[in-house]
């Protein structure tokens, strides 16, 4: 019974699990920000090329 209690105590004191979850959440947020930025840049580039194409067609 003592070994089980010590195992539970070590598990509760260990910070490996929460740290891994925090890193996963940070990674997910970074990916979302990157995808949003790439989409915004792509939209702006598309608008610029469309405007240049329209000017050249005149």
N, C-alpha and C. Protein backbone atom coordinates (compact mmCIF):
# COMPACT_ATOMS: atom_id res chain seq x y z
N UNK A 1 0.83 -1.20 0.00
CA UNK A 1 0.00 0.00 0.00
C UNK A 1 0.87 1.26 0.00
N UNK A 2 2.01 1.19 0.67
CA UNK A 2 2.90 2.36 0.72
C UNK A 2 3.45 2.69 -0.66
N UNK A 3 3.76 1.65 -1.43
CA UNK A 3 4.31 1.93 -2.77
C UNK A 3 3.26 2.60 -3.65
N UNK A 4 2.01 2.19 -3.50
CA UNK A 4 0.93 2.83 -4.28
C UNK A 4 0.78 4.29 -3.88
N UNK A 5 0.83 4.56 -2.58
CA UNK A 5 0.70 5.94 -2.10
C UNK A 5 1.87 6.79 -2.59
N UNK A 6 3.07 6.22 -2.58
CA UNK A 6 4.23 6.97 -3.08
C UNK A 6 4.12 7.22 -4.58
N UNK A 7 3.60 6.25 -5.31
CA UNK A 7 3.41 6.42 -6.76
C UNK A 7 2.41 7.53 -7.06
N UNK A 8 1.33 7.56 -6.32
CA UNK A 8 0.33 8.61 -6.49
C UNK A 8 0.92 9.96 -6.13
N UNK A 9 1.69 10.02 -5.07
CA UNK A 9 2.32 11.27 -4.65
C UNK A 9 3.29 11.78 -5.73
N UNK A 10 4.11 10.87 -6.29
CA UNK A 10 5.04 11.28 -7.36
C UNK A 10 4.28 11.77 -8.58
N UNK A 11 3.17 11.10 -8.90
CA UNK A 11 2.38 11.51 -10.07
C UNK A 11 1.81 12.91 -9.87
N UNK A 12 1.32 13.20 -8.67
CA UNK A 12 0.72 14.51 -8.41
C UNK A 12 1.76 15.62 -8.38
N UNK A 13 2.97 15.31 -7.95
CA UNK A 13 4.04 16.31 -7.87
C UNK A 13 4.67 16.54 -9.24
N UNK A 14 4.67 15.52 -10.08
CA UNK A 14 5.29 15.62 -11.41
C UNK A 14 4.61 16.69 -12.25
N UNK A 15 5.41 17.47 -12.97
CA UNK A 15 4.87 18.55 -13.80
C UNK A 15 5.05 18.27 -15.29
N UNK A 16 5.39 17.06 -15.67
CA UNK A 16 5.61 16.74 -17.07
C UNK A 16 4.32 16.79 -17.89
N UNK A 17 3.23 16.30 -17.34
CA UNK A 17 1.96 16.28 -18.07
C UNK A 17 1.43 17.67 -18.38
N UNK A 18 1.28 18.53 -17.38
CA UNK A 18 0.78 19.88 -17.66
C UNK A 18 1.71 20.67 -18.58
N UNK A 19 3.01 20.46 -18.47
CA UNK A 19 3.94 21.18 -19.33
C UNK A 19 3.72 20.78 -20.78
N UNK A 20 3.53 19.50 -21.04
CA UNK A 20 3.29 19.04 -22.40
C UNK A 20 1.99 19.63 -22.96
N UNK A 21 0.97 19.71 -22.13
CA UNK A 21 -0.30 20.29 -22.57
C UNK A 21 -0.13 21.77 -22.88
N UNK A 22 0.62 22.48 -22.05
CA UNK A 22 0.85 23.90 -22.31
C UNK A 22 1.59 24.11 -23.62
N UNK A 23 2.60 23.28 -23.89
CA UNK A 23 3.32 23.40 -25.15
C UNK A 23 2.41 23.10 -26.35
N UNK A 24 1.53 22.14 -26.20
CA UNK A 24 0.61 21.80 -27.29
C UNK A 24 -0.35 22.96 -27.57
N UNK A 25 -0.83 23.61 -26.52
CA UNK A 25 -1.73 24.76 -26.69
C UNK A 25 -0.99 25.91 -27.35
N UNK A 26 0.24 26.19 -26.91
CA UNK A 26 1.02 27.27 -27.53
C UNK A 26 1.29 26.97 -29.00
N UNK A 27 1.62 25.72 -29.32
CA UNK A 27 1.87 25.35 -30.71
C UNK A 27 0.62 25.54 -31.56
N UNK A 28 -0.53 25.16 -31.03
CA UNK A 28 -1.78 25.33 -31.77
C UNK A 28 -2.07 26.81 -32.02
N UNK A 29 -1.83 27.66 -31.03
CA UNK A 29 -2.05 29.09 -31.22
C UNK A 29 -1.08 29.68 -32.24
N UNK A 30 0.16 29.24 -32.23
CA UNK A 30 1.14 29.73 -33.20
C UNK A 30 0.74 29.32 -34.60
N UNK A 31 0.27 28.10 -34.77
CA UNK A 31 -0.16 27.63 -36.09
C UNK A 31 -1.35 28.45 -36.58
N UNK A 32 -2.30 28.74 -35.71
CA UNK A 32 -3.47 29.53 -36.10
C UNK A 32 -3.05 30.93 -36.53
N UNK A 33 -2.15 31.55 -35.78
CA UNK A 33 -1.67 32.89 -36.13
C UNK A 33 -0.94 32.87 -37.47
N UNK A 34 -0.11 31.87 -37.68
CA UNK A 34 0.62 31.77 -38.95
C UNK A 34 -0.33 31.58 -40.13
N UNK A 35 -1.31 30.72 -39.98
CA UNK A 35 -2.26 30.51 -41.08
C UNK A 35 -3.07 31.77 -41.37
N UNK A 36 -3.45 32.49 -40.35
CA UNK A 36 -4.19 33.74 -40.54
C UNK A 36 -3.33 34.77 -41.26
N UNK A 37 -2.06 34.88 -40.87
CA UNK A 37 -1.16 35.84 -41.53
C UNK A 37 -0.93 35.46 -42.98
N UNK A 38 -0.74 34.18 -43.26
CA UNK A 38 -0.52 33.74 -44.64
C UNK A 38 -1.76 34.01 -45.48
N UNK A 39 -2.93 33.79 -44.93
CA UNK A 39 -4.16 34.06 -45.68
C UNK A 39 -4.29 35.55 -45.97
N UNK A 40 -3.98 36.40 -45.00
CA UNK A 40 -4.09 37.85 -45.20
C UNK A 40 -3.09 38.31 -46.26
N UNK A 41 -1.88 37.80 -46.22
CA UNK A 41 -0.87 38.18 -47.22
C UNK A 41 -1.31 37.72 -48.60
N UNK A 42 -1.84 36.51 -48.69
CA UNK A 42 -2.32 35.99 -49.98
C UNK A 42 -3.46 36.81 -50.53
N UNK A 43 -4.37 37.23 -49.69
CA UNK A 43 -5.50 38.05 -50.13
C UNK A 43 -5.01 39.41 -50.64
N UNK A 44 -4.09 40.01 -49.91
CA UNK A 44 -3.54 41.31 -50.34
C UNK A 44 -2.77 41.17 -51.64
N UNK A 45 -1.99 40.12 -51.79
CA UNK A 45 -1.23 39.91 -53.03
C UNK A 45 -2.18 39.69 -54.20
N UNK A 46 -3.24 38.94 -53.98
CA UNK A 46 -4.21 38.70 -55.04
C UNK A 46 -4.87 40.01 -55.47
N UNK A 47 -5.22 40.85 -54.53
CA UNK A 47 -5.84 42.13 -54.86
C UNK A 47 -4.87 43.02 -55.63
N UNK A 48 -3.60 43.00 -55.24
CA UNK A 48 -2.60 43.81 -55.94
C UNK A 48 -2.42 43.33 -57.36
N UNK A 49 -2.28 42.03 -57.57
CA UNK A 49 -2.11 41.50 -58.92
C UNK A 49 -3.34 41.74 -59.78
N UNK A 50 -4.52 41.68 -59.19
CA UNK A 50 -5.75 41.94 -59.94
C UNK A 50 -5.78 43.41 -60.38
N UNK A 51 -5.39 44.31 -59.50
CA UNK A 51 -5.36 45.74 -59.84
C UNK A 51 -4.35 46.01 -60.95
N UNK A 52 -3.18 45.42 -60.85
CA UNK A 52 -2.15 45.62 -61.90
C UNK A 52 -2.63 45.04 -63.22
N UNK A 53 -3.25 43.88 -63.17
CA UNK A 53 -3.76 43.26 -64.40
C UNK A 53 -4.84 44.13 -65.04
N UNK A 54 -5.69 44.72 -64.24
CA UNK A 54 -6.74 45.58 -64.78
C UNK A 54 -6.15 46.84 -65.42
N UNK A 55 -5.10 47.40 -64.80
CA UNK A 55 -4.45 48.57 -65.37
C UNK A 55 -3.74 48.25 -66.67
N UNK A 56 -3.13 47.09 -66.75
CA UNK A 56 -2.41 46.71 -67.97
C UNK A 56 -3.39 46.38 -69.10
N UNK A 57 -4.57 45.94 -68.78
CA UNK A 57 -5.56 45.59 -69.80
C UNK A 57 -6.15 46.81 -70.46
N UNK A 58 -6.02 47.99 -69.87
CA UNK A 58 -6.66 49.19 -70.46
C UNK A 58 -5.88 49.71 -71.58
